[in-house]
Amino acid sequence: MLGKREIPILSVLTVTGCTDKSEEQILHDTLKLASNHLRGGEWCDNAKGLEAYPALIRVFDEDPDLSSSWNAEYFLGTYGALKEYACRYFEKFGESRLAGLYRSIFDAWTEAFRIKTCEDASLPEVRARIASLLRSAYESEKEAVNLMEKSI
């Protein structure tokens, strides 16, 4: 049932082993993997990649009960942290444009999480602010995937 509950958007990828690839090849392969993930090219039946955004935004636009649940908070906190990892990765490899995009994406997710944990998400204006932050992150992440695809 992993990821098949109220908001079906979770999937898991485990990275194992080591490689003798060059840093340039690792970056190239990572961009290819990330863009494939963001375009929904995975086996998962849930909303995939960028399509997880509309699924989560709908919760805050349409479902006050679910938007107030711990599940929504969990997704905001978990996915937000992942955006920071992407930012750090791109900083490490000197990809400043992607790092900047992911910094803004991370900031939006972090603020959405802060609002969700500190304010009453049953209120329409609170849910609207969270949805707006997620829409902003969605637009930035679409820009990021376009950048990735130009690099591969």
C-alpha atoms as a PDB file:
ATOM      1  CA  MET A   1       0.000   0.000   0.000  1.00  0.00           C
ATOM      2  CA  LEU A   2       3.054   2.296  -0.048  1.00  0.00           C
ATOM      3  CA  GLY A   3       1.927   5.544  -1.643  1.00  0.00           C
ATOM      4  CA  LYS A   4      -1.555   4.217  -2.475  1.00  0.00           C
ATOM      5  CA  ARG A   5      -3.513   5.901   0.266  1.00  0.00           C
ATOM      6  CA  GLU A   6      -5.223   9.300   0.261  1.00  0.00           C
ATOM      7  CA  ILE A   7      -2.611  11.066  -1.884  1.00  0.00           C
ATOM      8  CA  PRO A   8      -1.138   8.428  -4.218  1.00  0.00           C
ATOM      9  CA  ILE A   9       2.181  10.071  -5.108  1.00  0.00           C
ATOM     10  CA  LEU A  10       4.936   8.248  -3.233  1.00  0.00           C
ATOM     11  CA  SER A  11       7.413   5.917  -4.899  1.00  0.00           C
ATOM     12  CA  VAL A  12      10.843   4.802  -3.773  1.00  0.00           C
ATOM     13  CA  LEU A  13      14.165   4.522  -5.590  1.00  0.00           C
ATOM     14  CA  THR A  14      17.196   2.967  -3.906  1.00  0.00           C
ATOM     15  CA  VAL A  15      20.708   3.670  -5.162  1.00  0.00           C
ATOM     16  CA  THR A  16      23.309   1.004  -4.448  1.00  0.00           C
ATOM     17  CA  GLY A  17      26.904   0.233  -5.324  1.00  0.00           C
ATOM     18  CA  CYS A  18      29.663   2.438  -6.682  1.00  0.00           C
ATOM     19  CA  THR A  19      30.939   3.322 -10.124  1.00  0.00           C
ATOM     20  CA  ASP A  20      34.145   4.233 -11.899  1.00  0.00           C
ATOM     21  CA  LYS A  21      32.404   6.839 -14.070  1.00  0.00           C
ATOM     22  CA  SER A  22      33.831  10.341 -14.340  1.00  0.00           C
ATOM     23  CA  GLU A  23      32.082  13.203 -12.536  1.00  0.00           C
ATOM     24  CA  GLU A  24      30.926  14.530 -15.901  1.00  0.00           C
ATOM     25  CA  GLN A  25      29.362  11.173 -16.796  1.00  0.00           C
ATOM     26  CA  ILE A  26      27.741  10.913 -13.366  1.00  0.00           C
ATOM     27  CA  LEU A  27      26.232  14.378 -13.792  1.00  0.00           C
ATOM     28  CA  HIS A  28      25.033  13.533 -17.314  1.00  0.00           C
ATOM     29  CA  ASP A  29      23.463  10.279 -16.118  1.00  0.00           C
ATOM     30  CA  THR A  30      21.909  12.014 -13.114  1.00  0.00           C
ATOM     31  CA  LEU A  31      20.342  14.696 -15.320  1.00  0.00           C
ATOM     32  CA  LYS A  32      18.997  11.977 -17.596  1.00  0.00           C
ATOM     33  CA  LEU A  33      17.573  10.015 -14.656  1.00  0.00           C
ATOM     34  CA  ALA A  34      16.109  13.125 -13.008  1.00  0.00           C
ATOM     35  CA  SER A  35      14.466  14.383 -16.194  1.00  0.00           C
ATOM     36  CA  ASN A  36      13.031  10.918 -16.856  1.00  0.00           C
ATOM     37  CA  HIS A  37      11.668  10.865 -13.299  1.00  0.00           C
ATOM     38  CA  LEU A  38      10.197  14.367 -13.583  1.00  0.00           C
ATOM     39  CA  ARG A  39       8.544  13.479 -16.912  1.00  0.00           C
ATOM     40  CA  GLY A  40       6.875  10.464 -15.306  1.00  0.00           C
ATOM     41  CA  GLY A  41       8.961   7.754 -16.938  1.00  0.00           C
ATOM     42  CA  GLU A  42       8.719   5.292 -14.050  1.00  0.00           C
ATOM     43  CA  TRP A  43       6.843   2.092 -13.353  1.00  0.00           C
ATOM     44  CA  CYS A  44       4.781   3.511 -10.484  1.00  0.00           C
ATOM     45  CA  ASP A  45       0.973   3.689 -10.856  1.00  0.00           C
ATOM     46  CA  ASN A  46       0.808   6.856  -8.737  1.00  0.00           C
ATOM     47  CA  ALA A  47       1.049  10.431 -10.004  1.00  0.00           C
ATOM     48  CA  LYS A  48       4.637  10.524 -11.244  1.00  0.00           C
ATOM     49  CA  GLY A  49       7.282  13.221 -11.287  1.00  0.00           C
ATOM     50  CA  LEU A  50       5.903  16.656 -12.040  1.00  0.00           C
ATOM     51  CA  GLU A  51       2.359  15.258 -12.052  1.00  0.00           C
ATOM     52  CA  ALA A  52       2.617  14.853  -8.280  1.00  0.00           C
ATOM     53  CA  TYR A  53       2.234  18.639  -8.073  1.00  0.00           C
ATOM     54  CA  PRO A  54      -1.340  18.830  -9.423  1.00  0.00           C
ATOM     55  CA  ALA A  55      -2.294  15.869  -7.212  1.00  0.00           C
ATOM     56  CA  LEU A  56      -1.022  17.625  -4.094  1.00  0.00           C
ATOM     57  CA  ILE A  57      -2.279  21.074  -5.111  1.00  0.00           C
ATOM     58  CA  ARG A  58      -5.772  19.609  -5.619  1.00  0.00           C
ATOM     59  CA  VAL A  59      -5.747  18.536  -1.978  1.00  0.00           C
ATOM     60  CA  PHE A  60      -5.316  22.141  -0.853  1.00  0.00           C
ATOM     61  CA  ASP A  61      -7.713  23.506  -3.499  1.00  0.00           C
ATOM     62  CA  GLU A  62     -10.527  20.994  -3.048  1.00  0.00           C
ATOM     63  CA  ASP A  63     -10.316  18.928   0.138  1.00  0.00           C
ATOM     64  CA  PRO A  64     -10.210  20.809   3.468  1.00  0.00           C
ATOM     65  CA  ASP A  65     -10.327  17.563   5.455  1.00  0.00           C
ATOM     66  CA  LEU A  66      -7.398  15.943   3.678  1.00  0.00           C
ATOM     67  CA  SER A  67      -5.429  19.205   3.569  1.00  0.00           C
ATOM     68  CA  SER A  68      -5.670  19.314   7.370  1.00  0.00           C
ATOM     69  CA  SER A  69      -4.446  15.722   7.719  1.00  0.00           C
ATOM     70  CA  TRP A  70      -1.023  14.514   8.760  1.00  0.00           C
ATOM     71  CA  ASN A  71      -0.614  13.004   5.265  1.00  0.00           C
ATOM     72  CA  ALA A  72      -0.490  16.426   3.628  1.00  0.00           C
ATOM     73  CA  GLU A  73       2.028  17.559   6.220  1.00  0.00           C
ATOM     74  CA  TYR A  74       4.106  14.436   5.638  1.00  0.00           C
ATOM     75  CA  PHE A  75       4.245  15.002   1.880  1.00  0.00           C
ATOM     76  CA  LEU A  76       5.177  18.676   2.261  1.00  0.00           C
ATOM     77  CA  GLY A  77       7.978  17.863   4.694  1.00  0.00           C
ATOM     78  CA  THR A  78       9.313  14.848   2.823  1.00  0.00           C
ATOM     79  CA  TYR A  79       9.276  16.299  -0.682  1.00  0.00           C
ATOM     80  CA  GLY A  80      10.599  19.618   0.595  1.00  0.00           C
ATOM     81  CA  ALA A  81      13.672  17.924   1.994  1.00  0.00           C
ATOM     82  CA  LEU A  82      14.267  16.175  -1.319  1.00  0.00           C
ATOM     83  CA  LYS A  83      14.290  19.521  -3.117  1.00  0.00           C
ATOM     84  CA  GLU A  84      17.111  20.677  -0.839  1.00  0.00           C
ATOM     85  CA  TYR A  85      19.133  17.584  -1.723  1.00  0.00           C
ATOM     86  CA  ALA A  86      18.718  18.423  -5.407  1.00  0.00           C
ATOM     87  CA  CYS A  87      19.890  21.982  -4.726  1.00  0.00           C
ATOM     88  CA  ARG A  88      22.982  20.754  -2.882  1.00  0.00           C
ATOM     89  CA  TYR A  89      23.759  18.250  -5.620  1.00  0.00           C
ATOM     90  CA  PHE A  90      23.639  20.888  -8.332  1.00  0.00           C
ATOM     91  CA  GLU A  91      25.724  23.278  -6.212  1.00  0.00           C
ATOM     92  CA  LYS A  92      28.349  20.537  -5.794  1.00  0.00           C
ATOM     93  CA  PHE A  93      28.573  20.058  -9.557  1.00  0.00           C
ATOM     94  CA  GLY A  94      28.679  23.789 -10.316  1.00  0.00           C
ATOM     95  CA  GLU A  95      25.256  23.825 -11.973  1.00  0.00           C
ATOM     96  CA  SER A  96      24.355  27.250 -10.585  1.00  0.00           C
ATOM     97  CA  ARG A  97      21.184  27.785 -12.613  1.00  0.00           C
ATOM     98  CA  LEU A  98      19.703  24.450 -11.548  1.00  0.00           C
ATOM     99  CA  ALA A  99      20.913  25.004  -7.989  1.00  0.00           C
ATOM    100  CA  GLY A 100      19.170  28.392  -7.926  1.00  0.00           C
ATOM    101  CA  LEU A 101      15.933  26.926  -9.226  1.00  0.00           C
ATOM    102  CA  TYR A 102      16.029  24.158  -6.663  1.00  0.00           C
ATOM    103  CA  ARG A 103      16.802  26.644  -3.896  1.00  0.00           C
ATOM    104  CA  SER A 104      13.610  28.540  -4.770  1.00  0.00           C
ATOM    105  CA  ILE A 105      11.677  25.270  -5.068  1.00  0.00           C
ATOM    106  CA  PHE A 106      12.976  24.172  -1.668  1.00  0.00           C
ATOM    107  CA  ASP A 107      12.092  27.546  -0.144  1.00  0.00           C
ATOM    108  CA  ALA A 108       8.515  27.286  -1.456  1.00  0.00           C
ATOM    109  CA  TRP A 109       8.083  23.745  -0.134  1.00  0.00           C
ATOM    110  CA  THR A 110       9.608  24.743   3.214  1.00  0.00           C
ATOM    111  CA  GLU A 111       7.279  27.711   3.571  1.00  0.00           C
ATOM    112  CA  ALA A 112       4.284  25.549   2.608  1.00  0.00           C
ATOM    113  CA  PHE A 113       5.331  23.033   5.270  1.00  0.00           C
ATOM    114  CA  ARG A 114       5.780  25.795   7.849  1.00  0.00           C
ATOM    115  CA  ILE A 115       2.318  27.156   7.099  1.00  0.00           C
ATOM    116  CA  LYS A 116       0.793  23.666   7.259  1.00  0.00           C
ATOM    117  CA  THR A 117       2.398  22.928  10.638  1.00  0.00           C
ATOM    118  CA  CYS A 118       1.836  26.346  12.237  1.00  0.00           C
ATOM    119  CA  GLU A 119      -1.507  27.513  10.883  1.00  0.00           C
ATOM    120  CA  ASP A 120      -5.021  26.130  10.544  1.00  0.00           C
ATOM    121  CA  ALA A 121      -5.115  24.349   7.172  1.00  0.00           C
ATOM    122  CA  SER A 122      -8.876  23.994   7.396  1.00  0.00           C
ATOM    123  CA  LEU A 123      -9.120  27.724   6.586  1.00  0.00           C
ATOM    124  CA  PRO A 124      -9.506  28.503   2.860  1.00  0.00           C
ATOM    125  CA  GLU A 125      -6.977  31.378   2.921  1.00  0.00           C
ATOM    126  CA  VAL A 126      -4.316  29.147   4.515  1.00  0.00           C
ATOM    127  CA  ARG A 127      -4.897  26.391   1.968  1.00  0.00           C
ATOM    128  CA  ALA A 128      -4.769  28.976  -0.847  1.00  0.00           C
ATOM    129  CA  ARG A 129      -1.337  30.194   0.323  1.00  0.00           C
ATOM    130  CA  ILE A 130      -0.009  26.643   0.430  1.00  0.00           C
ATOM    131  CA  ALA A 131      -1.421  25.886  -3.042  1.00  0.00           C
ATOM    132  CA  SER A 132       0.110  29.109  -4.385  1.00  0.00           C
ATOM    133  CA  LEU A 133       3.551  28.154  -3.051  1.00  0.00           C
ATOM    134  CA  LEU A 134       3.246  24.714  -4.618  1.00  0.00           C
ATOM    135  CA  ARG A 135       2.209  26.235  -7.958  1.00  0.00           C
ATOM    136  CA  SER A 136       5.280  28.463  -7.862  1.00  0.00           C
ATOM    137  CA  ALA A 137       7.522  25.476  -7.119  1.00  0.00           C
ATOM    138  CA  TYR A 138       5.803  23.521  -9.901  1.00  0.00           C
ATOM    139  CA  GLU A 139       6.587  26.224 -12.460  1.00  0.00           C
ATOM    140  CA  SER A 140      10.208  26.396 -11.311  1.00  0.00           C
ATOM    141  CA  GLU A 141      10.592  22.633 -11.441  1.00  0.00           C
ATOM    142  CA  LYS A 142       9.171  22.520 -14.976  1.00  0.00           C
ATOM    143  CA  GLU A 143      11.822  25.090 -15.898  1.00  0.00           C
ATOM    144  CA  ALA A 144      14.456  22.935 -14.192  1.00  0.00           C
ATOM    145  CA  VAL A 145      13.524  19.807 -16.136  1.00  0.00           C
ATOM    146  CA  ASN A 146      13.686  21.771 -19.393  1.00  0.00           C
ATOM    147  CA  LEU A 147      17.181  22.915 -18.431  1.00  0.00           C
ATOM    148  CA  MET A 148      18.196  19.351 -17.603  1.00  0.00           C
ATOM    149  CA  GLU A 149      16.972  18.086 -20.953  1.00  0.00           C
ATOM    150  CA  LYS A 150      18.968  20.740 -22.804  1.00  0.00           C
ATOM    151  CA  SER A 151      22.091  19.517 -21.002  1.00  0.00           C
ATOM    152  CA  ILE A 152      21.781  15.849 -21.962  1.00  0.00           C
END
